[in-house]
Structures are given as C-alpha cells and as structure tokens.
Amino acid sequence: MIAALIAGRYTLGREVGRGGMGAVWLARDEVLGRDVALKRVGWAPGGSTPDLERAEREARLAARLNHPHVVAVYDLVTEGADQWLVMEYVEGATLAGLVQRHGALTPEAAAPILRQAADALAAAHSAGIVHRDVKPSNILVAPDGHVKLSDFGIARAEADASLTQTGLVTGSPAYLSPEVASGQTAQPASDVWSLGATLFHALAGRPPYEVGENVLGALYRIVNEPPPLLADAGWLAPVLAATMSTDPGSRWSMEQVRDVLAAGPSEGRTEPLPPAGTAVAGPVAVTEPEPTRQIPPAAPAAARRGSRGRPVAIVMAAVTIVVLAVVGWTLGRGDDHDPGADGASGGHSDSPPPSSPTTPAVTADGMESFVADYLATVTTDPKATWEQLTPAFQARSGNFGQYQKFWSGFRSAALVTAQPDPENMQISYTVEYVHADGRTSTDDVTLTLEGSDGDFDIAAES
C-alpha cells in the first residue's frame, strides 16, 4: 500500500495519469502549500528492485531543463523502498486526450501545440538530453493552450537505449524512429521522428502505425516500409516529410521544425533546410551539400530508404529483439488511445507491345527512358520537369520556386544504372550529379510512376 504522506511532506490525492511505468498522482506540498505531481520512479518492468542510481541521474538531467514548455522537476524523495519524482502539476489534457475526444486537429490547431513541444525538445537537445519517448500522451496542453512536455525518460530502470542490453523498447512502438526500432541508440534525430509521428497522430486522429497485438509487424513496417503519407496534412505536409524521414541524417533539426511551425503557412515562405545533402529536397531552401552525402534528384518529399542491403540486416535485428521488447512495450500500451501493367518486364523490343485506351503500355524501356529524360532536363528546364510531378506530389514538395532553387545547385544529373519494375510502377536507379562547384556525387533513388510509356508522371520518391 502506498503511504498517504510521502517524505513527511507530500500528501497524495487522486491519480491523474498513468503510463507504462506507473501512475502519476496529484499531491499537496504541505510545506509550500501548492499542488504538485508525484511519480514513483526507478522500477523496471517485471522486476522488483529499483535502479535508484539511474533514477537519480535521470532526475538531475530533467531538473537541468528550466524551460517554459518543460514540466519542472522540483525534487526526488524517498519513502521506504520507493523513490518519488516531485514535479510541477499541469492542469489540462494530453494531446492524446484532446484527439481522442475531439478527433483529428486542423493544421492551424496542431501547429501551435507541436511548435511549443519542439521548442522544449530543442532546448533539451542543446543541453545534451534526448527525450526518447515523445508521443501525444507526453504533451500536456493547458486550457489556455500553453504546452508542457513531460517524462524525459524518468520512469525507467535499466532501460538504456540498447535493446539488446535490457530487452526494453525505449519509447512507444507507434512513435519509434526506424533506427531505434532496429535496436540502435536514440539520438536527437530520433526525437525529431517521434515528434513527426506525433504530428501525424494529431492531424490524422490516429497513430502513424497501428500496433495492436502485433508488435513485430509494427517494428518491421517502421524499419522497412516508406513512412506513411497523409493526404490532408495541408501546409504541414513538408514538416511531416522532413521529420519522418527514414534516414536520421535527412531529418530537420528540432530548431528547424520549431521555426517552420512558428512561421506558419506564410505565402512564399522559405523553409529551413535539413542537414546538407539530405533526402528532403523540394520544400526547402538549399545550402551547399556536404561532399560525403548525396542529394536526391526528384523533388523531395519522401524519405530516403538507404542502401538496398540495410533493411535485411535491420529486420534480423528487430526479430532478434522483439520478443524481449514486447515485455517492455506491454506495460506502456494504451498510452495514446486517451496500378497494373501489361508491358514487358525488362527485355528490349524494337516494336513495343501495342497499347489501347483501356490497357496503356508500361514497359521497362519506357520507364528507363522517362527517368533518363527527366534527369537530363531537370537542371536546365526545371519548369518542364516540375510539370512531370503529380499534383499530389507537388503539394507534398512545396512550391515551384523552392524546387527550382534546389536544382540550381547542380550543373547536371545523369542516369547511371536503372532497375525498372513495370508491374509495381516503380524504378530504382543510380544517378550521378555534377554540383555547381564541379564536385561529383552519386545517389540511389526509387520513384513511383503513374501513367504509361510516353506519358509518365512522378507520384512519389523514396
């Protein structure tokens, strides 16, 4: 039984929240006469011994963040065998609760909430702190719209970022970045992905990945499939693309996310650029790319998938750890409820198969020819190639001015090799760029096309 008076000072009241690591209680500080929130910390799922040293270290980290959008940490006290974190009490609802009660938010309603959370996370990253569990239930919204970010990994024992050491998933599965889902160490870019996934939840009214009972399936999708798209994200579509990019190096910094959200849908606004040479190209202004990274050829909205061999290795890692991960995740579940082708498959033919109005020809040669022409034209006549993007892809990629500015950084782009897949309307290829300063680089790209030979449009890039 939990004592009614903690550390001879805090009188427990009602339970005001519950997460994967236990309950949060409203309490009364009898010394200072104010309401506080108390959370018991340092307990590992399935264990019986608190990791007090880690709890103390985590409490000190959180206490370093004196920020208007971070739940303040007042004290860490002991009561018997338990340690309790004494925190600022925030009256209001979580973002998860708001979406659950009112449904999906409009971009105009979601942006101020996520902007404040991004401001808090930018401060944490500057202080060397990675949150590791950004999700809608950790974003508290007061009645006046003021936002506080809570739970900087405080309620964890032995839950280091390495899944192989502890068997615990560091974060909630639906909002995990691909690198963390595959067992790698969480980094600031991992928080960026999780904030993007949280923005997706706010705009869609549901998480980006449905987990249910199939944790392995969710982890597999996060690691191996292109990030989900949201058709009605409005002016926030480029933010989703730049945060939920599979490659951590391709994501915006948290400061950039904050600044774009703060600027709003300004007409003609130039958004900040992700790290140089990243996969998000079209909706942002361009700085000089780093020599060691590549820039994608098609206008930008989707995330780069990385090398072809990487998903297999990551899947094996995820399969190895998932059984252990289920244990850690189970305790935290429920936190956030509050075209066909008939053409050739690759061979060359002097006479392409005849097409008809009802069955247009899609051939490997036709797809490869389209990409070669696109790359040969894009640096000299970007207006023409802009028209070769579908309207939906244009909307996700920003405006033409930004697209044109991006491509002005290259002298030429040339097709090196191509692997067309007419059946799935996709073509993977290697492209060689000559940059404006004379440097050369290569990149691997996959495009999804619509249409038929002689009349293709680009619908997506990965």
Protein backbone atom coordinates (compact mmCIF):
# COMPACT_ATOMS: atom_id res chain seq x y z
CA MET A 1 0.00 0.00 0.00
CA ILE A 2 1.25 3.50 -0.85
CA ALA A 3 1.65 5.82 2.10
CA ALA A 4 -0.72 8.79 2.19
CA LEU A 5 2.13 11.12 3.21
CA ILE A 6 5.31 10.93 1.13
CA ALA A 7 8.62 12.01 2.68
CA GLY A 8 6.71 13.65 5.51
CA ARG A 9 5.71 16.47 3.20
CA TYR A 10 3.57 15.46 0.22
CA THR A 11 0.00 14.30 0.76
CA LEU A 12 -1.21 12.05 -2.03
CA GLY A 13 -4.52 12.91 -3.64
CA ARG A 14 -6.13 11.39 -6.70
CA GLU A 15 -4.46 9.60 -9.59
CA VAL A 16 -4.23 11.99 -12.55
CA GLY A 17 -2.36 9.92 -15.10
CA ARG A 18 -0.95 6.52 -15.90
CA GLY A 19 1.77 5.38 -18.25
CA GLY A 20 3.92 2.38 -18.93
CA MET A 21 5.94 2.81 -15.75
CA GLY A 22 3.23 3.59 -13.22
CA ALA A 23 0.81 6.22 -12.04
CA VAL A 24 1.10 9.96 -11.57
CA TRP A 25 -0.66 11.39 -8.56
CA LEU A 26 -1.86 14.85 -7.66
CA ALA A 27 -0.35 15.69 -4.28
CA ARG A 28 -0.21 18.62 -1.91
CA ASP A 29 3.09 20.09 -0.79
CA GLU A 30 2.27 20.77 2.85
CA VAL A 31 5.40 22.90 3.33
CA LEU A 32 4.93 25.34 0.46
CA GLY A 33 1.17 24.96 0.17
CA ARG A 34 0.99 24.14 -3.51
CA ASP A 35 -0.20 21.29 -5.72
CA VAL A 36 2.46 19.05 -7.22
CA ALA A 37 2.55 15.86 -9.28
CA LEU A 38 4.25 12.76 -7.86
CA LYS A 39 5.52 9.81 -9.86
CA ARG A 40 7.18 6.72 -8.49
CA VAL A 41 10.39 6.10 -10.44
CA GLY A 42 13.15 3.59 -10.87
CA TRP A 43 11.19 0.38 -11.34
CA ALA A 44 11.94 -1.98 -14.19
CA PRO A 45 9.01 -3.88 -15.75
CA GLY A 46 8.84 -7.36 -14.31
CA GLY A 47 11.45 -6.51 -11.70
CA SER A 48 11.31 -5.85 -8.01
CA THR A 49 14.44 -3.80 -7.39
CA PRO A 50 14.55 -0.09 -8.20
CA ASP A 51 17.57 1.21 -10.03
CA LEU A 52 17.99 4.19 -7.74
CA GLU A 53 21.25 5.39 -9.26
CA ARG A 54 19.71 5.71 -12.71
CA ALA A 55 16.58 7.35 -11.31
CA GLU A 56 18.70 9.97 -9.59
CA ARG A 57 20.76 10.62 -12.72
CA GLU A 58 17.65 10.97 -14.86
CA ALA A 59 16.08 13.31 -12.32
CA ARG A 60 19.15 15.52 -12.39
CA LEU A 61 19.00 15.65 -16.20
CA ALA A 62 15.37 16.70 -16.17
CA ALA A 63 16.00 19.27 -13.45
CA ARG A 64 18.57 20.94 -15.71
CA LEU A 65 15.82 21.93 -18.14
CA ASN A 66 14.45 25.19 -16.84
CA HIS A 67 12.16 25.84 -19.78
CA PRO A 68 8.63 27.25 -20.07
CA HIS A 69 7.49 24.24 -22.10
CA VAL A 70 9.03 21.52 -19.93
CA VAL A 71 7.32 20.15 -16.82
CA ALA A 72 9.52 21.38 -13.97
CA VAL A 73 11.19 18.87 -11.65
CA TYR A 74 11.22 20.00 -8.02
CA ASP A 75 12.66 17.12 -6.06
CA LEU A 76 13.46 13.43 -5.81
CA VAL A 77 12.43 11.98 -2.45
CA THR A 78 12.47 8.60 -0.76
CA GLU A 79 9.63 6.89 1.04
CA GLY A 80 10.53 3.42 2.27
CA ALA A 81 11.87 1.43 -0.67
CA ASP A 82 10.35 3.80 -3.20
CA GLN A 83 11.66 6.94 -4.84
CA TRP A 84 9.25 9.60 -5.96
CA LEU A 85 9.78 12.33 -8.50
CA VAL A 86 8.15 15.60 -7.42
CA MET A 87 7.08 17.63 -10.43
CA GLU A 88 5.10 20.66 -11.47
CA TYR A 89 1.40 19.90 -11.65
CA VAL A 90 -0.09 20.94 -15.01
CA GLU A 91 -3.85 21.20 -15.18
CA GLY A 92 -5.19 20.31 -18.60
CA ALA A 93 -5.29 17.41 -21.03
CA THR A 94 -2.73 15.47 -23.01
CA LEU A 95 -2.61 15.85 -26.78
CA ALA A 96 -3.69 12.21 -26.97
CA GLY A 97 -6.74 13.02 -24.86
CA LEU A 98 -7.64 16.02 -26.99
CA VAL A 99 -7.52 13.99 -30.19
CA GLN A 100 -9.47 11.16 -28.60
CA ARG A 101 -12.26 13.50 -27.50
CA HIS A 102 -12.38 15.93 -30.43
CA GLY A 103 -10.94 13.98 -33.35
CA ALA A 104 -8.17 14.99 -35.76
CA LEU A 105 -6.89 18.53 -35.46
CA THR A 106 -6.56 21.01 -38.30
CA PRO A 107 -3.05 22.13 -39.26
CA GLU A 108 -3.81 25.50 -37.72
CA ALA A 109 -4.75 23.89 -34.39
CA ALA A 110 -1.95 21.34 -34.35
CA ALA A 111 0.93 23.64 -35.29
CA PRO A 112 0.99 25.79 -32.11
CA ILE A 113 0.94 22.70 -29.90
CA LEU A 114 3.74 20.95 -31.76
CA ARG A 115 5.72 24.18 -32.02
CA GLN A 116 5.86 24.51 -28.25
CA ALA A 117 6.86 20.87 -27.86
CA ALA A 118 9.59 21.35 -30.48
CA ASP A 119 10.85 24.38 -28.57
CA ALA A 120 11.18 22.26 -25.44
CA LEU A 121 12.95 19.46 -27.31
CA ALA A 122 15.33 21.91 -28.99
CA ALA A 123 16.35 23.14 -25.55
CA ALA A 124 16.80 19.56 -24.34
CA HIS A 125 18.98 18.68 -27.32
CA SER A 126 21.10 21.78 -26.71
CA ALA A 127 21.61 20.51 -23.16
CA GLY A 128 22.65 17.09 -24.41
CA ILE A 129 19.40 15.39 -23.41
CA VAL A 130 17.42 13.07 -25.68
CA HIS A 131 13.80 12.56 -24.62
CA ARG A 132 13.42 9.11 -26.21
CA ASP A 133 9.67 8.87 -25.64
CA VAL A 134 7.99 11.75 -27.49
CA LYS A 135 4.34 10.90 -28.03
CA PRO A 136 0.91 12.53 -27.71
CA SER A 137 0.37 11.38 -24.13
CA ASN A 138 3.56 13.15 -23.02
CA ILE A 139 2.44 16.53 -24.37
CA LEU A 140 0.26 18.37 -21.85
CA VAL A 141 -2.00 21.16 -23.08
CA ALA A 142 -3.41 23.66 -20.57
CA PRO A 143 -6.83 25.26 -21.11
CA ASP A 144 -5.14 28.45 -22.34
CA GLY A 145 -3.16 26.49 -24.96
CA HIS A 146 0.15 26.53 -23.11
CA VAL A 147 2.06 23.30 -23.69
CA LYS A 148 4.36 21.37 -21.34
CA LEU A 149 6.43 18.36 -22.35
CA SER A 150 6.71 15.66 -19.71
CA ASP A 151 8.58 12.43 -18.93
CA PHE A 152 12.16 12.70 -20.12
CA GLY A 153 12.67 9.01 -19.60
CA ILE A 154 12.44 9.48 -15.84
CA ALA A 155 10.39 6.41 -15.05
CA ARG A 156 12.82 3.84 -16.39
CA ALA A 157 15.21 1.47 -14.70
CA GLU A 158 18.00 -0.20 -16.65
CA ALA A 159 16.27 0.95 -19.85
CA ASP A 160 19.30 2.11 -21.79
CA ALA A 161 18.87 2.90 -25.45
CA SER A 162 20.31 -0.51 -26.40
CA LEU A 163 17.51 -3.03 -26.70
CA THR A 164 19.93 -5.92 -26.69
CA GLN A 165 21.15 -5.00 -23.21
CA THR A 166 17.81 -4.70 -21.50
CA GLY A 167 15.09 -6.18 -23.66
CA LEU A 168 13.08 -2.98 -23.31
CA VAL A 169 11.82 -0.75 -26.09
CA THR A 170 12.93 2.80 -25.31
CA GLY A 171 9.74 4.56 -26.28
CA SER A 172 6.27 3.69 -27.53
CA PRO A 173 6.27 1.43 -30.62
CA ALA A 174 3.91 3.54 -32.73
CA TYR A 175 6.22 6.56 -32.45
CA LEU A 176 9.64 4.86 -32.55
CA SER A 177 12.09 6.01 -35.19
CA PRO A 178 13.40 3.32 -37.59
CA GLU A 179 16.86 3.36 -36.04
CA VAL A 180 15.54 2.86 -32.51
CA ALA A 181 13.09 0.21 -33.72
CA SER A 182 16.06 -1.70 -35.11
CA GLY A 183 17.96 -1.54 -31.82
CA GLN A 184 20.25 1.43 -32.37
CA THR A 185 20.94 4.16 -29.84
CA ALA A 186 18.44 7.00 -29.64
CA GLN A 187 19.76 10.38 -30.78
CA PRO A 188 18.28 13.87 -31.22
CA ALA A 189 17.13 12.90 -34.73
CA SER A 190 15.13 10.08 -33.12
CA ASP A 191 13.14 12.67 -31.17
CA VAL A 192 12.55 14.53 -34.45
CA TRP A 193 10.97 11.41 -35.98
CA SER A 194 8.84 10.85 -32.87
CA LEU A 195 7.61 14.46 -32.95
CA GLY A 196 6.72 13.99 -36.62
CA ALA A 197 4.84 10.81 -35.74
CA THR A 198 3.05 12.77 -33.01
CA LEU A 199 2.13 15.46 -35.55
CA PHE A 200 0.80 12.69 -37.81
CA HIS A 201 -1.38 11.45 -34.94
CA ALA A 202 -2.73 14.95 -34.31
CA LEU A 203 -3.60 15.53 -37.96
CA ALA A 204 -4.91 12.04 -38.73
CA GLY A 205 -6.63 11.29 -35.43
CA ARG A 206 -4.65 8.04 -35.15
CA PRO A 207 -1.04 6.92 -34.78
CA PRO A 208 1.07 6.54 -37.93
CA TYR A 209 1.43 2.83 -37.17
CA GLU A 210 -1.26 0.62 -35.67
CA VAL A 211 0.43 -1.71 -33.23
CA GLY A 212 -2.33 -3.78 -31.63
CA GLU A 213 -1.09 -7.22 -30.64
CA ASN A 214 1.45 -7.42 -33.46
CA VAL A 215 4.49 -5.55 -32.16
CA LEU A 216 6.83 -7.38 -34.56
CA GLY A 217 4.72 -6.37 -37.52
CA ALA A 218 4.75 -2.74 -36.43
CA LEU A 219 8.53 -2.71 -35.93
CA TYR A 220 9.02 -4.36 -39.33
CA ARG A 221 6.87 -1.72 -41.05
CA ILE A 222 8.66 1.15 -39.32
CA VAL A 223 12.09 -0.16 -40.34
CA ASN A 224 11.35 -1.39 -43.86
CA GLU A 225 8.40 0.46 -45.36
CA PRO A 226 8.32 4.07 -46.58
CA PRO A 227 6.89 6.44 -43.97
CA PRO A 228 3.11 6.78 -44.15
CA LEU A 229 1.66 9.69 -46.11
CA LEU A 230 -1.20 11.91 -45.03
CA ALA A 231 -3.24 13.32 -47.90
CA ASP A 232 -4.82 16.18 -45.94
CA ALA A 233 -1.84 17.49 -43.98
CA GLY A 234 -2.07 20.85 -45.76
CA TRP A 235 0.86 23.20 -45.26
CA LEU A 236 2.30 20.81 -42.67
CA ALA A 237 2.98 18.09 -45.28
CA PRO A 238 6.61 19.22 -45.75
CA VAL A 239 7.09 19.10 -41.98
CA LEU A 240 5.90 15.50 -41.89
CA ALA A 241 8.20 14.62 -44.79
CA ALA A 242 11.21 16.27 -43.19
CA THR A 243 10.68 14.75 -39.74
CA MET A 244 9.53 11.24 -40.69
CA SER A 245 12.47 10.59 -42.99
CA THR A 246 13.91 7.09 -42.70
CA ASP A 247 17.50 8.32 -42.71
CA PRO A 248 18.26 10.21 -39.45
CA GLY A 249 20.72 12.44 -41.28
CA SER A 250 17.96 13.58 -43.64
CA ARG A 251 15.69 14.96 -40.94
CA TRP A 252 15.46 18.59 -39.96
CA SER A 253 16.94 19.62 -36.66
CA MET A 254 14.47 20.28 -33.88
CA GLU A 255 15.21 24.00 -34.18
CA GLN A 256 14.23 23.92 -37.84
CA VAL A 257 11.00 22.10 -37.04
CA ARG A 258 10.17 24.68 -34.39
CA ASP A 259 10.89 27.61 -36.70
CA VAL A 260 8.77 26.28 -39.56
CA LEU A 261 5.85 25.60 -37.22
CA ALA A 262 6.20 29.09 -35.75
CA ALA A 263 6.31 30.77 -39.18
CA GLY A 264 3.06 29.15 -40.28
CA PRO A 265 1.74 28.90 -43.84
CA SER A 266 3.23 32.21 -44.96
CA GLU A 267 2.92 32.85 -48.65
CA GLY A 268 6.28 32.43 -50.32
CA ARG A 269 8.00 31.47 -47.08
CA THR A 270 11.36 29.77 -47.48
CA GLU A 271 11.62 26.93 -45.02
CA PRO A 272 14.89 25.93 -43.39
CA LEU A 273 16.96 23.19 -44.95
CA PRO A 274 17.56 19.80 -43.44
CA PRO A 275 21.19 18.75 -42.94
CA ALA A 276 23.13 19.29 -46.16
CA GLY A 277 22.67 16.69 -48.85
CA THR A 278 19.59 15.07 -47.39
CA ALA A 279 16.65 13.27 -48.94
CA VAL A 280 14.17 16.10 -48.40
CA ALA A 281 14.86 18.46 -51.25
CA GLY A 282 11.92 20.26 -52.75
CA PRO A 283 10.14 22.07 -49.94
CA VAL A 284 13.20 23.82 -48.56
CA ALA A 285 15.89 26.29 -49.45
CA VAL A 286 19.26 24.81 -50.27
CA THR A 287 22.68 25.29 -48.73
CA GLU A 288 25.85 23.75 -50.11
CA PRO A 289 25.74 19.97 -49.57
CA GLU A 290 28.48 18.16 -47.76
CA PRO A 291 30.79 16.13 -50.02
CA THR A 292 30.13 12.92 -48.11
CA ARG A 293 26.35 12.97 -48.56
CA GLN A 294 24.16 12.91 -51.64
CA ILE A 295 21.14 14.89 -52.75
CA PRO A 296 18.14 13.22 -54.35
CA PRO A 297 17.15 14.03 -57.90
CA ALA A 298 13.41 14.25 -57.81
CA ALA A 299 11.75 16.97 -55.88
CA PRO A 300 11.53 15.94 -52.48
CA ALA A 301 9.01 14.94 -50.13
CA ALA A 302 9.67 11.37 -49.30
CA ALA A 303 12.42 9.94 -47.12
CA ARG A 304 15.44 8.07 -48.43
CA ARG A 305 15.43 4.34 -47.83
CA GLY A 306 19.21 3.92 -47.68
CA SER A 307 21.25 1.08 -49.18
CA ARG A 308 19.48 -1.97 -50.57
CA GLY A 309 21.09 -4.36 -48.11
CA ARG A 310 20.28 -2.40 -44.99
CA PRO A 311 16.64 -3.46 -44.45
CA VAL A 312 17.50 -7.17 -44.30
CA ALA A 313 20.06 -6.69 -41.56
CA ILE A 314 17.75 -4.42 -39.64
CA VAL A 315 14.88 -6.88 -39.89
CA MET A 316 17.05 -9.60 -38.44
CA ALA A 317 18.00 -7.33 -35.57
CA ALA A 318 14.38 -6.41 -34.96
CA VAL A 319 13.31 -10.06 -34.99
CA THR A 320 16.04 -10.91 -32.52
CA ILE A 321 14.99 -8.26 -30.05
CA VAL A 322 11.25 -8.16 -30.47
CA VAL A 323 10.38 -10.95 -28.05
CA LEU A 324 12.19 -9.09 -25.30
CA ALA A 325 10.75 -5.80 -26.50
CA VAL A 326 7.18 -6.99 -26.08
CA VAL A 327 7.67 -7.14 -22.32
CA GLY A 328 8.68 -3.50 -22.06
CA TRP A 329 6.06 -2.33 -24.51
CA THR A 330 3.12 -4.18 -23.00
CA LEU A 331 3.32 -2.09 -19.85
CA GLY A 332 3.12 1.10 -21.89
CA ARG A 333 0.37 0.14 -24.33
CA GLY A 334 -2.75 2.23 -24.39
CA ASP A 335 -0.91 5.44 -23.51
CA ASP A 336 -2.20 7.23 -26.56
CA HIS A 337 -5.72 5.96 -27.07
CA ASP A 338 -6.76 8.93 -24.23
CA PRO A 339 -1.72 0.05 -60.99
CA GLY A 340 -1.43 -2.85 -63.22
CA ALA A 341 0.81 -3.15 -66.29
CA ASP A 342 0.82 -5.43 -69.31
CA GLY A 343 4.12 -4.36 -70.90
CA ALA A 344 7.50 -6.02 -70.98
CA SER A 345 9.27 -6.88 -67.75
CA GLY A 346 12.71 -5.73 -68.79
CA GLY A 347 13.72 -7.03 -72.23
CA HIS A 348 14.22 -4.71 -75.18
CA SER A 349 11.97 -4.91 -78.21
CA ASP A 350 12.17 -2.93 -81.43
CA SER A 351 8.37 -2.92 -81.54
CA PRO A 352 6.79 -2.21 -78.15
CA PRO A 353 3.58 -4.04 -77.35
CA PRO A 354 0.57 -2.26 -78.78
CA SER A 355 -1.41 -0.19 -76.36
CA SER A 356 -5.07 0.67 -76.25
CA PRO A 357 -7.12 3.31 -74.44
CA THR A 358 -8.07 0.75 -71.81
CA THR A 359 -4.69 -1.00 -71.49
CA PRO A 360 -1.83 1.50 -71.92
CA ALA A 361 1.66 0.09 -72.39
CA VAL A 362 4.08 0.22 -69.47
CA THR A 363 7.49 -1.20 -70.35
CA ALA A 364 10.86 -1.29 -68.68
CA ASP A 365 12.40 0.59 -71.59
CA GLY A 366 9.71 3.25 -71.37
CA MET A 367 10.25 3.79 -67.65
CA GLU A 368 14.03 3.99 -68.02
CA SER A 369 13.72 6.41 -70.93
CA PHE A 370 11.45 8.65 -68.88
CA VAL A 371 13.89 8.85 -65.97
CA ALA A 372 16.86 9.48 -68.26
CA ASP A 373 14.99 12.33 -69.95
CA TYR A 374 13.85 13.75 -66.60
CA LEU A 375 17.39 13.85 -65.21
CA ALA A 376 18.79 15.31 -68.44
CA THR A 377 16.23 18.13 -68.33
CA VAL A 378 15.75 18.98 -64.67
CA THR A 379 18.86 21.15 -64.23
CA THR A 380 18.25 23.17 -67.42
CA ASP A 381 14.45 23.37 -67.58
CA PRO A 382 13.02 22.72 -64.09
CA LYS A 383 9.67 24.24 -65.12
CA ALA A 384 9.16 21.38 -67.58
CA THR A 385 10.12 18.69 -65.08
CA TRP A 386 8.01 20.28 -62.33
CA GLU A 387 5.01 19.59 -64.56
CA GLN A 388 6.02 15.91 -64.57
CA LEU A 389 5.20 15.60 -60.86
CA THR A 390 1.64 14.65 -60.00
CA PRO A 391 -0.39 17.41 -58.29
CA ALA A 392 -0.32 15.45 -55.04
CA PHE A 393 3.47 15.10 -55.15
CA GLN A 394 3.81 18.80 -55.99
CA ALA A 395 1.74 19.62 -52.91
CA ARG A 396 3.99 17.48 -50.73
CA SER A 397 7.12 19.01 -52.28
CA GLY A 398 6.44 22.70 -51.71
CA ASN A 399 6.21 25.36 -54.40
CA PHE A 400 7.98 25.65 -57.75
CA GLY A 401 10.30 28.40 -56.56
CA GLN A 402 11.78 26.13 -53.93
CA TYR A 403 12.05 23.24 -56.40
CA GLN A 404 13.82 25.48 -58.92
CA LYS A 405 16.22 26.83 -56.29
CA PHE A 406 17.14 23.32 -55.22
CA TRP A 407 18.04 22.18 -58.73
CA SER A 408 20.02 25.36 -59.43
CA GLY A 409 22.71 23.87 -57.21
CA PHE A 410 23.62 21.30 -59.89
CA ARG A 411 25.18 21.53 -63.31
CA SER A 412 23.83 18.18 -64.45
CA ALA A 413 22.25 14.89 -63.36
CA ALA A 414 22.76 11.72 -65.39
CA LEU A 415 21.34 8.21 -65.16
CA VAL A 416 23.98 5.57 -64.43
CA THR A 417 22.02 2.32 -63.96
CA ALA A 418 18.33 1.52 -63.67
CA GLN A 419 16.16 -1.36 -62.47
CA PRO A 420 12.59 -0.78 -63.74
CA ASP A 421 9.67 -2.69 -62.21
CA PRO A 422 6.70 -2.15 -64.55
CA GLU A 423 4.41 -4.42 -62.56
CA ASN A 424 4.68 -2.20 -59.47
CA MET A 425 5.16 1.05 -61.40
CA GLN A 426 8.50 1.70 -59.69
CA ILE A 427 12.01 2.27 -60.97
CA SER A 428 15.16 2.18 -58.84
CA TYR A 429 18.24 3.80 -60.25
CA THR A 430 21.65 5.32 -59.58
CA VAL A 431 22.21 8.94 -60.60
CA GLU A 432 25.44 10.91 -60.90
CA TYR A 433 25.38 14.62 -60.09
CA VAL A 434 27.78 17.37 -61.05
CA HIS A 435 27.41 20.07 -58.41
CA ALA A 436 27.64 23.79 -59.11
CA ASP A 437 31.20 23.82 -57.74
CA GLY A 438 32.28 20.97 -60.03
CA ARG A 439 32.14 18.18 -57.45
CA THR A 440 30.50 14.89 -58.43
CA SER A 441 28.43 12.53 -56.32
CA THR A 442 26.05 9.62 -56.81
CA ASP A 443 22.81 8.59 -55.15
CA ASP A 444 20.31 5.71 -55.23
CA VAL A 445 16.68 6.65 -55.79
CA THR A 446 13.36 4.85 -56.23
CA LEU A 447 10.46 6.59 -57.98
CA THR A 448 6.83 5.57 -58.16
CA LEU A 449 5.31 6.50 -61.51
CA GLU A 450 1.81 6.98 -62.87
CA GLY A 451 0.70 6.79 -66.50
CA SER A 452 2.20 4.80 -69.35
CA ASP A 453 5.07 4.88 -71.86
CA GLY A 454 5.48 8.39 -73.22
CA ASP A 455 3.16 9.89 -70.60
CA PHE A 456 4.59 9.17 -67.14
CA ASP A 457 4.37 11.37 -64.07
CA ILE A 458 6.26 11.04 -60.77
CA ALA A 459 3.91 10.20 -57.91
CA ALA A 460 6.40 9.52 -55.10
CA GLU A 461 10.08 9.23 -54.28
CA SER A 462 11.89 7.07 -51.78
